[in-house]
Amino acid sequence: MTQSIQAKTLTLHDVKTKFNFQLCEDEQFFREWIDDLPEITDEEKGYLDKVKAGYTNSADHSMIEDTVKMVVLAPLLFLADLYLNPFHIEAEKSVELVTVDEGILVRGSIDVLVLIESFWVVAIEAKRAQYSVEAGLPQLLFYMLNDPSPKQVTFGLLTNGSSFRFIKVTKRDIPQYAVSKLFDIGSPGNELYEVFRILKRLAAIISSDRSYT
């Protein structure tokens, strides 16, 4: 009989052992969050400053996931043109995956999914502001493993509204992943500038080359 579990209960150990995921520590594996980032305009900086101010104001109160999405994620995705063609947005998309050896069915739903046709560009897992952003990593890796184009690259973003980490997954032979540095909205200055630049970079990569690997 197939055992069914929820994706949100997965640990990083589970993801690595059940789905054979490996952390790639080669610095050249995930250069997209570092190299060739676009410049941003003064107008975009002003918009991002307002997003940070809105978060700071909202953080004085308990923020649930829906608040995180509304205050931080929605403005970032809007400014990065990820609501426009060729992208589109899906929310709470259900996914499931069966592990062959153990007969375990894992079910879950993605908070926000940015798509080009059937290609998963950015899967975003929002967590309550009180939770560490790392709490969502096993869940997001599981979702990214469900990329319907297994020869291509999938990028992800984890955020709890205050912290942000980008993820890259490839599945050519065995699943591998790497992570960016952690960006924090509470750091001096405004690290949303860098988060936004990386979003723009990833969007440009995928929209200009649908066969990106």
N, C-alpha and C. Protein backbone atom coordinates (compact mmCIF):
# COMPACT_ATOMS: atom_id res chain seq x y z
N MET A 1 0.85 -1.19 0.00
CA MET A 1 0.00 0.00 0.00
C MET A 1 0.88 1.24 0.00
N THR A 2 0.53 2.22 -0.82
CA THR A 2 1.30 3.46 -0.90
C THR A 2 1.02 4.34 0.31
N GLN A 3 2.09 4.77 0.97
CA GLN A 3 1.97 5.67 2.10
C GLN A 3 1.89 7.10 1.59
N SER A 4 1.00 7.92 2.16
CA SER A 4 0.82 9.30 1.73
C SER A 4 1.26 10.24 2.85
N ILE A 5 2.13 11.21 2.50
CA ILE A 5 2.56 12.21 3.47
C ILE A 5 2.43 13.59 2.86
N GLN A 6 2.41 14.61 3.69
CA GLN A 6 2.32 15.99 3.24
C GLN A 6 3.71 16.56 3.01
N ALA A 7 3.87 17.34 1.93
CA ALA A 7 5.17 17.92 1.60
C ALA A 7 5.69 18.79 2.74
N LYS A 8 4.79 19.45 3.46
CA LYS A 8 5.23 20.37 4.51
C LYS A 8 5.89 19.65 5.68
N THR A 9 5.73 18.32 5.76
CA THR A 9 6.36 17.56 6.84
C THR A 9 7.75 17.06 6.46
N LEU A 10 8.17 17.23 5.22
CA LEU A 10 9.47 16.75 4.78
C LEU A 10 10.61 17.49 5.46
N THR A 11 11.66 16.79 5.79
CA THR A 11 12.89 17.40 6.26
C THR A 11 13.90 17.40 5.12
N LEU A 12 14.99 18.13 5.29
CA LEU A 12 16.04 18.14 4.27
C LEU A 12 16.63 16.74 4.12
N HIS A 13 16.74 16.01 5.22
CA HIS A 13 17.22 14.62 5.15
C HIS A 13 16.28 13.77 4.31
N ASP A 14 14.97 13.95 4.49
CA ASP A 14 13.98 13.22 3.69
C ASP A 14 14.18 13.47 2.21
N VAL A 15 14.32 14.76 1.84
CA VAL A 15 14.45 15.13 0.43
C VAL A 15 15.71 14.50 -0.17
N LYS A 16 16.79 14.50 0.59
CA LYS A 16 18.06 13.96 0.07
C LYS A 16 18.01 12.44 -0.06
N THR A 17 17.38 11.76 0.89
CA THR A 17 17.37 10.30 0.86
C THR A 17 16.25 9.73 0.00
N LYS A 18 15.05 10.31 0.08
CA LYS A 18 13.93 9.77 -0.68
C LYS A 18 14.01 10.10 -2.16
N PHE A 19 14.58 11.28 -2.50
CA PHE A 19 14.60 11.72 -3.89
C PHE A 19 16.02 11.87 -4.44
N ASN A 20 17.01 11.44 -3.66
CA ASN A 20 18.41 11.42 -4.11
C ASN A 20 18.93 12.80 -4.48
N PHE A 21 18.46 13.84 -3.79
CA PHE A 21 18.94 15.21 -4.01
C PHE A 21 20.34 15.35 -3.43
N GLN A 22 21.19 16.10 -4.13
CA GLN A 22 22.52 16.39 -3.63
C GLN A 22 22.78 17.88 -3.67
N LEU A 23 23.38 18.39 -2.61
CA LEU A 23 23.80 19.79 -2.56
C LEU A 23 25.07 19.94 -3.38
N CYS A 24 25.06 20.83 -4.35
CA CYS A 24 26.24 21.10 -5.17
C CYS A 24 26.97 22.30 -4.57
N GLU A 25 28.21 22.10 -4.18
CA GLU A 25 28.98 23.17 -3.55
C GLU A 25 29.99 23.81 -4.51
N ASP A 26 29.92 23.43 -5.77
CA ASP A 26 30.75 24.06 -6.79
C ASP A 26 30.27 25.49 -7.00
N GLU A 27 31.13 26.47 -6.80
CA GLU A 27 30.74 27.87 -6.92
C GLU A 27 30.28 28.24 -8.32
N GLN A 28 30.68 27.46 -9.32
CA GLN A 28 30.30 27.75 -10.70
C GLN A 28 28.91 27.21 -11.06
N PHE A 29 28.34 26.38 -10.20
CA PHE A 29 27.06 25.75 -10.49
C PHE A 29 25.92 26.76 -10.55
N PHE A 30 25.95 27.73 -9.65
CA PHE A 30 24.85 28.70 -9.55
C PHE A 30 25.44 30.10 -9.57
N ARG A 31 25.78 30.56 -10.77
CA ARG A 31 26.33 31.91 -10.93
C ARG A 31 25.26 32.92 -11.32
N GLU A 32 24.05 32.45 -11.62
CA GLU A 32 23.01 33.34 -12.14
C GLU A 32 22.58 34.39 -11.13
N TRP A 33 22.78 34.13 -9.85
CA TRP A 33 22.38 35.14 -8.85
C TRP A 33 23.51 36.14 -8.59
N ILE A 34 24.66 35.95 -9.27
CA ILE A 34 25.82 36.80 -9.06
C ILE A 34 26.20 37.58 -10.32
N ASP A 35 26.26 36.89 -11.46
CA ASP A 35 26.81 37.47 -12.69
C ASP A 35 25.76 38.20 -13.51
N ASP A 36 26.20 39.28 -14.15
CA ASP A 36 25.39 39.99 -15.16
C ASP A 36 24.03 40.44 -14.64
N LEU A 37 23.97 40.89 -13.41
CA LEU A 37 22.71 41.39 -12.88
C LEU A 37 22.40 42.75 -13.49
N PRO A 38 21.12 43.00 -13.82
CA PRO A 38 20.77 44.28 -14.44
C PRO A 38 20.84 45.42 -13.43
N GLU A 39 21.10 46.61 -13.94
CA GLU A 39 21.02 47.80 -13.10
C GLU A 39 19.56 48.15 -12.87
N ILE A 40 19.27 48.87 -11.80
CA ILE A 40 17.90 49.29 -11.55
C ILE A 40 17.84 50.81 -11.49
N THR A 41 16.70 51.34 -11.85
CA THR A 41 16.53 52.78 -11.97
C THR A 41 16.21 53.41 -10.61
N ASP A 42 16.31 54.73 -10.55
CA ASP A 42 15.93 55.44 -9.32
C ASP A 42 14.46 55.25 -9.02
N GLU A 43 13.65 55.17 -10.06
CA GLU A 43 12.21 54.94 -9.87
C GLU A 43 11.96 53.58 -9.24
N GLU A 44 12.67 52.55 -9.73
CA GLU A 44 12.52 51.21 -9.17
C GLU A 44 13.02 51.18 -7.72
N LYS A 45 14.11 51.88 -7.44
CA LYS A 45 14.60 51.95 -6.06
C LYS A 45 13.58 52.60 -5.14
N GLY A 46 12.93 53.66 -5.63
CA GLY A 46 11.90 54.31 -4.83
C GLY A 46 10.74 53.38 -4.53
N TYR A 47 10.34 52.58 -5.53
CA TYR A 47 9.26 51.61 -5.35
C TYR A 47 9.67 50.57 -4.30
N LEU A 48 10.90 50.06 -4.40
CA LEU A 48 11.37 49.04 -3.47
C LEU A 48 11.54 49.60 -2.06
N ASP A 49 11.88 50.88 -1.96
CA ASP A 49 11.94 51.52 -0.64
C ASP A 49 10.56 51.55 0.01
N LYS A 50 9.53 51.76 -0.80
CA LYS A 50 8.16 51.75 -0.28
C LYS A 50 7.77 50.35 0.16
N VAL A 51 8.20 49.33 -0.60
CA VAL A 51 7.91 47.94 -0.21
C VAL A 51 8.54 47.64 1.14
N LYS A 52 9.80 48.06 1.31
CA LYS A 52 10.47 47.83 2.60
C LYS A 52 9.75 48.57 3.72
N ALA A 53 9.34 49.81 3.48
CA ALA A 53 8.62 50.57 4.49
C ALA A 53 7.29 49.90 4.84
N GLY A 54 6.62 49.36 3.82
CA GLY A 54 5.36 48.66 4.06
C GLY A 54 5.56 47.40 4.89
N TYR A 55 6.65 46.69 4.60
CA TYR A 55 6.95 45.50 5.40
C TYR A 55 7.25 45.89 6.85
N THR A 56 8.07 46.92 7.04
CA THR A 56 8.44 47.35 8.38
C THR A 56 7.21 47.73 9.19
N ASN A 57 6.28 48.42 8.56
CA ASN A 57 5.05 48.80 9.23
C ASN A 57 4.21 47.58 9.58
N SER A 58 4.12 46.62 8.62
CA SER A 58 3.30 45.43 8.85
C SER A 58 3.93 44.49 9.86
N ALA A 59 5.27 44.50 9.95
CA ALA A 59 5.97 43.57 10.84
C ALA A 59 5.73 43.89 12.31
N ASP A 60 5.19 45.06 12.60
CA ASP A 60 4.84 45.39 13.97
C ASP A 60 3.68 44.54 14.46
N HIS A 61 3.03 43.86 13.53
CA HIS A 61 1.90 42.99 13.85
C HIS A 61 2.24 41.58 13.36
N SER A 62 1.49 40.59 13.80
CA SER A 62 1.72 39.21 13.38
C SER A 62 1.32 39.06 11.92
N MET A 63 2.28 38.62 11.08
CA MET A 63 2.00 38.49 9.66
C MET A 63 1.85 37.02 9.28
N ILE A 64 0.68 36.65 8.78
CA ILE A 64 0.46 35.31 8.26
C ILE A 64 0.93 35.27 6.80
N GLU A 65 0.93 34.07 6.18
CA GLU A 65 1.46 33.94 4.83
C GLU A 65 0.77 34.86 3.83
N ASP A 66 -0.54 35.00 3.93
CA ASP A 66 -1.25 35.85 2.98
C ASP A 66 -0.78 37.29 3.08
N THR A 67 -0.45 37.75 4.28
CA THR A 67 0.06 39.11 4.43
C THR A 67 1.43 39.26 3.80
N VAL A 68 2.29 38.26 4.00
CA VAL A 68 3.62 38.27 3.39
C VAL A 68 3.50 38.39 1.87
N LYS A 69 2.61 37.59 1.30
CA LYS A 69 2.44 37.62 -0.16
C LYS A 69 1.96 39.00 -0.62
N MET A 70 1.01 39.57 0.10
CA MET A 70 0.43 40.83 -0.32
C MET A 70 1.40 41.99 -0.16
N VAL A 71 2.13 42.02 0.96
CA VAL A 71 2.98 43.17 1.27
C VAL A 71 4.30 43.13 0.53
N VAL A 72 4.88 41.94 0.36
CA VAL A 72 6.23 41.83 -0.20
C VAL A 72 6.26 41.15 -1.56
N LEU A 73 5.69 39.94 -1.66
CA LEU A 73 5.82 39.17 -2.90
C LEU A 73 5.11 39.82 -4.07
N ALA A 74 3.86 40.22 -3.87
CA ALA A 74 3.09 40.78 -4.98
C ALA A 74 3.78 42.00 -5.59
N PRO A 75 4.26 42.98 -4.79
CA PRO A 75 4.96 44.12 -5.39
C PRO A 75 6.23 43.73 -6.12
N LEU A 76 7.00 42.78 -5.59
CA LEU A 76 8.23 42.35 -6.25
C LEU A 76 7.95 41.71 -7.60
N LEU A 77 6.97 40.82 -7.63
CA LEU A 77 6.62 40.15 -8.89
C LEU A 77 6.08 41.14 -9.91
N PHE A 78 5.31 42.11 -9.43
CA PHE A 78 4.77 43.14 -10.33
C PHE A 78 5.89 43.97 -10.93
N LEU A 79 6.81 44.42 -10.11
CA LEU A 79 7.89 45.27 -10.59
C LEU A 79 8.82 44.52 -11.54
N ALA A 80 8.97 43.21 -11.33
CA ALA A 80 9.82 42.39 -12.20
C ALA A 80 9.11 41.94 -13.47
N ASP A 81 7.88 42.44 -13.70
CA ASP A 81 7.10 42.12 -14.90
C ASP A 81 6.76 40.64 -15.01
N LEU A 82 6.64 39.96 -13.88
CA LEU A 82 6.34 38.53 -13.93
C LEU A 82 4.84 38.25 -14.00
N TYR A 83 4.03 39.31 -14.08
CA TYR A 83 2.61 39.12 -14.37
C TYR A 83 2.33 39.26 -15.86
N LEU A 84 3.34 39.61 -16.65
CA LEU A 84 3.16 39.91 -18.07
C LEU A 84 3.63 38.75 -18.94
N ASN A 85 3.11 38.69 -20.17
CA ASN A 85 3.53 37.71 -21.15
C ASN A 85 5.06 37.79 -21.36
N PRO A 86 5.78 36.67 -21.39
CA PRO A 86 5.31 35.28 -21.52
C PRO A 86 5.06 34.57 -20.19
N PHE A 87 5.11 35.30 -19.07
CA PHE A 87 4.91 34.67 -17.77
C PHE A 87 3.44 34.69 -17.38
N HIS A 88 3.07 33.82 -16.48
CA HIS A 88 1.78 33.94 -15.80
C HIS A 88 1.92 33.32 -14.42
N ILE A 89 0.95 33.61 -13.57
CA ILE A 89 1.01 33.23 -12.16
C ILE A 89 -0.04 32.19 -11.84
N GLU A 90 0.36 31.19 -11.07
CA GLU A 90 -0.60 30.28 -10.45
C GLU A 90 -0.33 30.26 -8.96
N ALA A 91 -1.35 30.07 -8.17
CA ALA A 91 -1.21 30.01 -6.71
C ALA A 91 -1.81 28.73 -6.17
N GLU A 92 -1.22 28.22 -5.10
CA GLU A 92 -1.68 26.99 -4.44
C GLU A 92 -1.86 25.87 -5.45
N LYS A 93 -0.85 25.64 -6.28
CA LYS A 93 -0.89 24.56 -7.27
C LYS A 93 -0.54 23.24 -6.60
N SER A 94 -1.40 22.24 -6.72
CA SER A 94 -1.18 20.95 -6.08
C SER A 94 -0.17 20.12 -6.87
N VAL A 95 0.72 19.44 -6.16
CA VAL A 95 1.69 18.55 -6.79
C VAL A 95 1.78 17.28 -5.96
N GLU A 96 2.20 16.19 -6.60
CA GLU A 96 2.43 14.95 -5.87
C GLU A 96 3.50 14.14 -6.59
N LEU A 97 4.21 13.32 -5.85
CA LEU A 97 5.30 12.55 -6.40
C LEU A 97 5.41 11.25 -5.63
N VAL A 98 5.54 10.12 -6.34
CA VAL A 98 5.69 8.82 -5.70
C VAL A 98 7.15 8.39 -5.77
N THR A 99 7.71 7.98 -4.62
CA THR A 99 9.05 7.43 -4.61
C THR A 99 8.97 5.95 -4.96
N VAL A 100 9.73 5.54 -5.93
CA VAL A 100 9.62 4.20 -6.48
C VAL A 100 9.99 3.14 -5.44
N ASP A 101 11.10 3.35 -4.72
CA ASP A 101 11.60 2.33 -3.82
C ASP A 101 10.72 2.14 -2.59
N GLU A 102 10.20 3.23 -2.07
CA GLU A 102 9.48 3.15 -0.80
C GLU A 102 7.97 3.23 -0.94
N GLY A 103 7.48 3.51 -2.14
CA GLY A 103 6.04 3.58 -2.33
C GLY A 103 5.39 4.67 -1.52
N ILE A 104 6.04 5.82 -1.41
CA ILE A 104 5.51 6.93 -0.62
C ILE A 104 5.00 8.01 -1.56
N LEU A 105 3.77 8.41 -1.37
CA LEU A 105 3.17 9.48 -2.16
C LEU A 105 3.24 10.77 -1.35
N VAL A 106 3.94 11.77 -1.89
CA VAL A 106 4.08 13.06 -1.20
C VAL A 106 3.18 14.08 -1.89
N ARG A 107 2.34 14.73 -1.13
CA ARG A 107 1.43 15.72 -1.67
C ARG A 107 1.72 17.09 -1.06
N GLY A 108 1.45 18.13 -1.84
CA GLY A 108 1.61 19.48 -1.32
C GLY A 108 1.10 20.49 -2.31
N SER A 109 1.20 21.77 -1.95
CA SER A 109 0.79 22.83 -2.85
C SER A 109 1.80 23.96 -2.79
N ILE A 110 2.07 24.56 -3.95
CA ILE A 110 3.03 25.64 -4.07
C ILE A 110 2.31 26.95 -3.80
N ASP A 111 2.93 27.83 -3.01
CA ASP A 111 2.28 29.09 -2.67
C ASP A 111 2.09 29.96 -3.90
N VAL A 112 3.17 30.24 -4.62
CA VAL A 112 3.09 31.04 -5.84
C VAL A 112 4.00 30.40 -6.87
N LEU A 113 3.51 30.21 -8.08
CA LEU A 113 4.28 29.58 -9.14
C LEU A 113 4.28 30.48 -10.36
N VAL A 114 5.46 30.85 -10.84
CA VAL A 114 5.59 31.66 -12.04
C VAL A 114 5.94 30.75 -13.20
N LEU A 115 5.16 30.80 -14.25
CA LEU A 115 5.30 29.85 -15.34
C LEU A 115 5.54 30.51 -16.68
N ILE A 116 6.30 29.83 -17.53
CA ILE A 116 6.29 30.07 -18.97
C ILE A 116 5.78 28.78 -19.59
N GLU A 117 4.60 28.82 -20.18
CA GLU A 117 3.96 27.62 -20.70
C GLU A 117 3.95 26.58 -19.58
N SER A 118 4.62 25.42 -19.77
CA SER A 118 4.63 24.40 -18.72
C SER A 118 5.93 24.39 -17.94
N PHE A 119 6.78 25.40 -18.15
CA PHE A 119 8.08 25.42 -17.49
C PHE A 119 8.01 26.22 -16.21
N TRP A 120 8.50 25.65 -15.14
CA TRP A 120 8.45 26.31 -13.84
C TRP A 120 9.64 27.24 -13.72
N VAL A 121 9.43 28.49 -13.68
CA VAL A 121 10.52 29.45 -13.62
C VAL A 121 10.89 29.76 -12.18
N VAL A 122 9.94 30.17 -11.40
CA VAL A 122 10.22 30.50 -9.99
C VAL A 122 9.10 29.94 -9.12
N ALA A 123 9.43 29.01 -8.27
CA ALA A 123 8.46 28.52 -7.29
C ALA A 123 8.74 29.24 -5.98
N ILE A 124 7.77 29.89 -5.44
CA ILE A 124 7.97 30.72 -4.26
C ILE A 124 7.21 30.13 -3.08
N GLU A 125 7.92 29.82 -2.03
CA GLU A 125 7.31 29.27 -0.84
C GLU A 125 7.38 30.33 0.26
N ALA A 126 6.27 30.93 0.58
CA ALA A 126 6.23 31.97 1.62
C ALA A 126 5.98 31.31 2.97
N LYS A 127 6.68 31.78 3.96
CA LYS A 127 6.48 31.28 5.32
C LYS A 127 6.09 32.44 6.22
N ARG A 128 5.46 32.11 7.35
CA ARG A 128 5.12 33.16 8.31
C ARG A 128 6.38 33.94 8.68
N ALA A 129 6.22 35.21 8.92
CA ALA A 129 7.37 36.06 9.19
C ALA A 129 8.15 35.59 10.43
N GLN A 130 7.48 34.87 11.32
CA GLN A 130 8.17 34.42 12.54
C GLN A 130 9.07 33.22 12.28
N TYR A 131 8.90 32.54 11.12
CA TYR A 131 9.64 31.32 10.84
C TYR A 131 10.91 31.63 10.07
N SER A 132 11.96 30.82 10.31
CA SER A 132 13.16 30.90 9.50
C SER A 132 12.83 30.53 8.07
N VAL A 133 13.44 31.23 7.12
CA VAL A 133 13.18 30.94 5.72
C VAL A 133 13.64 29.53 5.37
N GLU A 134 14.61 29.00 6.12
CA GLU A 134 15.13 27.66 5.82
C GLU A 134 14.08 26.59 6.07
N ALA A 135 13.04 26.90 6.84
CA ALA A 135 12.02 25.91 7.13
C ALA A 135 11.30 25.46 5.87
N GLY A 136 11.29 26.30 4.84
CA GLY A 136 10.59 25.95 3.61
C GLY A 136 11.45 25.28 2.57
N LEU A 137 12.77 25.12 2.82
CA LEU A 137 13.66 24.57 1.78
C LEU A 137 13.32 23.14 1.37
N PRO A 138 13.09 22.20 2.29
CA PRO A 138 12.74 20.85 1.84
C PRO A 138 11.48 20.82 1.00
N GLN A 139 10.50 21.59 1.39
CA GLN A 139 9.23 21.63 0.66
C GLN A 139 9.45 22.19 -0.74
N LEU A 140 10.23 23.26 -0.84
CA LEU A 140 10.45 23.88 -2.15
C LEU A 140 11.26 22.96 -3.05
N LEU A 141 12.27 22.27 -2.52
CA LEU A 141 13.05 21.33 -3.33
C LEU A 141 12.16 20.22 -3.88
N PHE A 142 11.23 19.74 -3.05
CA PHE A 142 10.28 18.73 -3.53
C PHE A 142 9.44 19.27 -4.68
N TYR A 143 8.95 20.50 -4.54
CA TYR A 143 8.15 21.08 -5.60
C TYR A 143 8.96 21.23 -6.88
N MET A 144 10.20 21.69 -6.75
CA MET A 144 11.04 21.92 -7.92
C MET A 144 11.40 20.61 -8.62
N LEU A 145 11.40 19.51 -7.86
CA LEU A 145 11.63 18.20 -8.45
C LEU A 145 10.50 17.82 -9.39
N ASN A 146 9.34 18.44 -9.22
CA ASN A 146 8.19 18.15 -10.07
C ASN A 146 8.18 18.97 -11.35
N ASP A 147 9.27 19.66 -11.65
CA ASP A 147 9.40 20.38 -12.92
C ASP A 147 9.10 19.42 -14.06
N PRO A 148 8.11 19.71 -14.93
CA PRO A 148 7.74 18.78 -15.99
C PRO A 148 8.76 18.72 -17.13
N SER A 149 9.79 19.56 -17.10
CA SER A 149 10.83 19.53 -18.12
C SER A 149 12.14 19.13 -17.44
N PRO A 150 12.36 17.83 -17.24
CA PRO A 150 13.46 17.38 -16.39
C PRO A 150 14.85 17.71 -16.91
N LYS A 151 15.00 18.03 -18.20
CA LYS A 151 16.33 18.34 -18.72
C LYS A 151 16.68 19.81 -18.54
N GLN A 152 15.74 20.58 -18.06
CA GLN A 152 15.96 22.00 -17.91
C GLN A 152 16.24 22.38 -16.46
N VAL A 153 16.57 23.63 -16.28
CA VAL A 153 16.91 24.16 -14.96
C VAL A 153 15.68 24.80 -14.34
N THR A 154 15.52 24.64 -13.04
CA THR A 154 14.45 25.30 -12.31
C THR A 154 15.07 26.22 -11.26
N PHE A 155 14.53 27.42 -11.16
CA PHE A 155 14.97 28.36 -10.13
C PHE A 155 13.86 28.53 -9.10
N GLY A 156 14.24 28.80 -7.87
CA GLY A 156 13.25 28.99 -6.82
C GLY A 156 13.61 30.16 -5.93
N LEU A 157 12.64 30.60 -5.18
CA LEU A 157 12.84 31.67 -4.20
C LEU A 157 12.09 31.31 -2.93
N LEU A 158 12.80 31.31 -1.82
CA LEU A 158 12.21 31.15 -0.51
C LEU A 158 12.16 32.50 0.18
N THR A 159 11.04 32.82 0.79
CA THR A 159 10.96 34.06 1.56
C THR A 159 9.94 33.93 2.68
N ASN A 160 10.24 34.59 3.79
CA ASN A 160 9.24 34.73 4.85
C ASN A 160 8.81 36.20 4.94
N GLY A 161 9.17 36.97 3.92
CA GLY A 161 8.84 38.39 3.89
C GLY A 161 10.01 39.25 4.28
N SER A 162 10.84 38.76 5.21
CA SER A 162 12.01 39.54 5.64
C SER A 162 13.31 38.97 5.10
N SER A 163 13.37 37.66 4.88
CA SER A 163 14.57 37.00 4.36
C SER A 163 14.27 36.36 3.02
N PHE A 164 15.29 36.30 2.16
CA PHE A 164 15.13 35.78 0.81
C PHE A 164 16.34 34.91 0.46
N ARG A 165 16.08 33.74 -0.14
CA ARG A 165 17.16 32.89 -0.62
C ARG A 165 16.73 32.27 -1.95
N PHE A 166 17.61 32.37 -2.95
CA PHE A 166 17.35 31.78 -4.26
C PHE A 166 17.94 30.37 -4.33
N ILE A 167 17.29 29.51 -5.10
CA ILE A 167 17.70 28.12 -5.25
C ILE A 167 17.74 27.77 -6.73
N LYS A 168 18.71 26.95 -7.11
CA LYS A 168 18.78 26.41 -8.47
C LYS A 168 18.78 24.89 -8.38
N VAL A 169 17.99 24.24 -9.26
CA VAL A 169 17.90 22.79 -9.29
C VAL A 169 18.14 22.31 -10.72
N THR A 170 18.95 21.26 -10.87
CA THR A 170 19.10 20.56 -12.16
C THR A 170 18.86 19.08 -11.92
N LYS A 171 18.42 18.38 -12.99
CA LYS A 171 18.10 16.96 -12.85
C LYS A 171 18.62 16.15 -14.03
N ARG A 172 19.79 16.51 -14.56
CA ARG A 172 20.30 15.81 -15.74
C ARG A 172 20.54 14.32 -15.45
N ASP A 173 21.32 14.00 -14.45
CA ASP A 173 21.57 12.62 -14.07
C ASP A 173 20.96 12.34 -12.70
N ILE A 174 21.42 13.10 -11.73
CA ILE A 174 20.82 13.03 -10.40
C ILE A 174 20.43 14.45 -10.00
N PRO A 175 19.39 14.61 -9.20
CA PRO A 175 18.98 15.96 -8.80
C PRO A 175 20.07 16.65 -7.98
N GLN A 176 20.38 17.89 -8.35
CA GLN A 176 21.34 18.69 -7.61
C GLN A 176 20.73 20.06 -7.35
N TYR A 177 21.14 20.67 -6.24
CA TYR A 177 20.66 22.01 -5.93
C TYR A 177 21.78 22.83 -5.32
N ALA A 178 21.65 24.13 -5.43
CA ALA A 178 22.55 25.07 -4.79
C ALA A 178 21.74 26.27 -4.36
N VAL A 179 22.25 27.02 -3.39
CA VAL A 179 21.51 28.16 -2.84
C VAL A 179 22.36 29.42 -2.91
N SER A 180 21.70 30.55 -2.95
CA SER A 180 22.37 31.85 -2.92
C SER A 180 22.65 32.24 -1.48
N LYS A 181 23.28 33.37 -1.28
CA LYS A 181 23.38 33.94 0.06
C LYS A 181 21.99 34.33 0.54
N LEU A 182 21.87 34.58 1.81
CA LEU A 182 20.60 35.00 2.39
C LEU A 182 20.53 36.53 2.37
N PHE A 183 19.45 37.05 1.80
CA PHE A 183 19.22 38.49 1.79
C PHE A 183 18.20 38.82 2.87
N ASP A 184 18.41 39.92 3.57
CA ASP A 184 17.53 40.27 4.68
C ASP A 184 17.06 41.71 4.54
N ILE A 185 15.75 41.88 4.63
CA ILE A 185 15.15 43.20 4.44
C ILE A 185 15.52 44.14 5.59
N GLY A 186 15.95 43.59 6.73
CA GLY A 186 16.31 44.41 7.86
C GLY A 186 17.75 44.88 7.87
N SER A 187 18.54 44.42 6.89
CA SER A 187 19.94 44.85 6.82
C SER A 187 20.03 46.32 6.46
N PRO A 188 21.14 46.96 6.79
CA PRO A 188 21.31 48.38 6.40
C PRO A 188 21.15 48.55 4.89
N GLY A 189 20.61 49.70 4.49
CA GLY A 189 20.32 49.90 3.07
C GLY A 189 19.02 49.19 2.72
N ASN A 190 18.95 48.67 1.51
CA ASN A 190 17.75 47.95 1.09
C ASN A 190 18.16 46.77 0.22
N GLU A 191 18.22 45.57 0.82
CA GLU A 191 18.64 44.39 0.07
C GLU A 191 17.57 43.90 -0.90
N LEU A 192 16.38 44.52 -0.86
CA LEU A 192 15.39 44.23 -1.90
C LEU A 192 15.91 44.64 -3.28
N TYR A 193 16.83 45.58 -3.33
CA TYR A 193 17.43 45.95 -4.61
C TYR A 193 18.07 44.72 -5.25
N GLU A 194 18.85 43.98 -4.45
CA GLU A 194 19.54 42.81 -4.99
C GLU A 194 18.57 41.68 -5.31
N VAL A 195 17.57 41.49 -4.45
CA VAL A 195 16.55 40.48 -4.71
C VAL A 195 15.85 40.77 -6.03
N PHE A 196 15.50 42.02 -6.24
CA PHE A 196 14.82 42.42 -7.47
C PHE A 196 15.73 42.22 -8.68
N ARG A 197 17.00 42.57 -8.58
CA ARG A 197 17.94 42.41 -9.69
C ARG A 197 18.07 40.93 -10.08
N ILE A 198 18.10 40.06 -9.08
CA ILE A 198 18.21 38.62 -9.36
C ILE A 198 16.93 38.11 -10.02
N LEU A 199 15.77 38.53 -9.53
CA LEU A 199 14.51 38.15 -10.17
C LEU A 199 14.50 38.55 -11.64
N LYS A 200 14.94 39.79 -11.92
CA LYS A 200 14.98 40.27 -13.30
C LYS A 200 15.95 39.43 -14.13
N ARG A 201 17.09 39.08 -13.54
CA ARG A 201 18.09 38.27 -14.24
C ARG A 201 17.53 36.90 -14.59
N LEU A 202 16.91 36.22 -13.64
CA LEU A 202 16.36 34.90 -13.90
C LEU A 202 15.24 34.96 -14.93
N ALA A 203 14.40 35.98 -14.84
CA ALA A 203 13.33 36.14 -15.82
C ALA A 203 13.88 36.34 -17.22
N ALA A 204 14.94 37.11 -17.35
CA ALA A 204 15.55 37.37 -18.65
C ALA A 204 16.17 36.11 -19.22
N ILE A 205 16.83 35.32 -18.36
CA ILE A 205 17.45 34.08 -18.82
C ILE A 205 16.41 33.15 -19.43
N ILE A 206 15.33 32.93 -18.71
CA ILE A 206 14.36 31.96 -19.16
C ILE A 206 13.54 32.47 -20.34
N SER A 207 13.13 33.72 -20.31
CA SER A 207 12.29 34.24 -21.39
C SER A 207 13.07 34.39 -22.70
N SER A 208 14.40 34.56 -22.63
CA SER A 208 15.18 34.71 -23.85
C SER A 208 15.64 33.39 -24.40
N ASP A 209 15.65 32.33 -23.58
CA ASP A 209 16.12 31.03 -24.03
C ASP A 209 15.30 29.95 -23.37
N ARG A 210 14.25 29.50 -24.03
CA ARG A 210 13.35 28.51 -23.45
C ARG A 210 14.04 27.17 -23.23
N SER A 211 15.18 26.94 -23.89
CA SER A 211 15.88 25.66 -23.74
C SER A 211 17.03 25.77 -22.75
N TYR A 212 17.02 26.82 -21.91
CA TYR A 212 18.11 27.05 -20.98
C TYR A 212 18.38 25.83 -20.13
N THR A 213 19.68 25.43 -20.04
CA THR A 213 20.04 24.27 -19.25
C THR A 213 21.24 24.60 -18.39
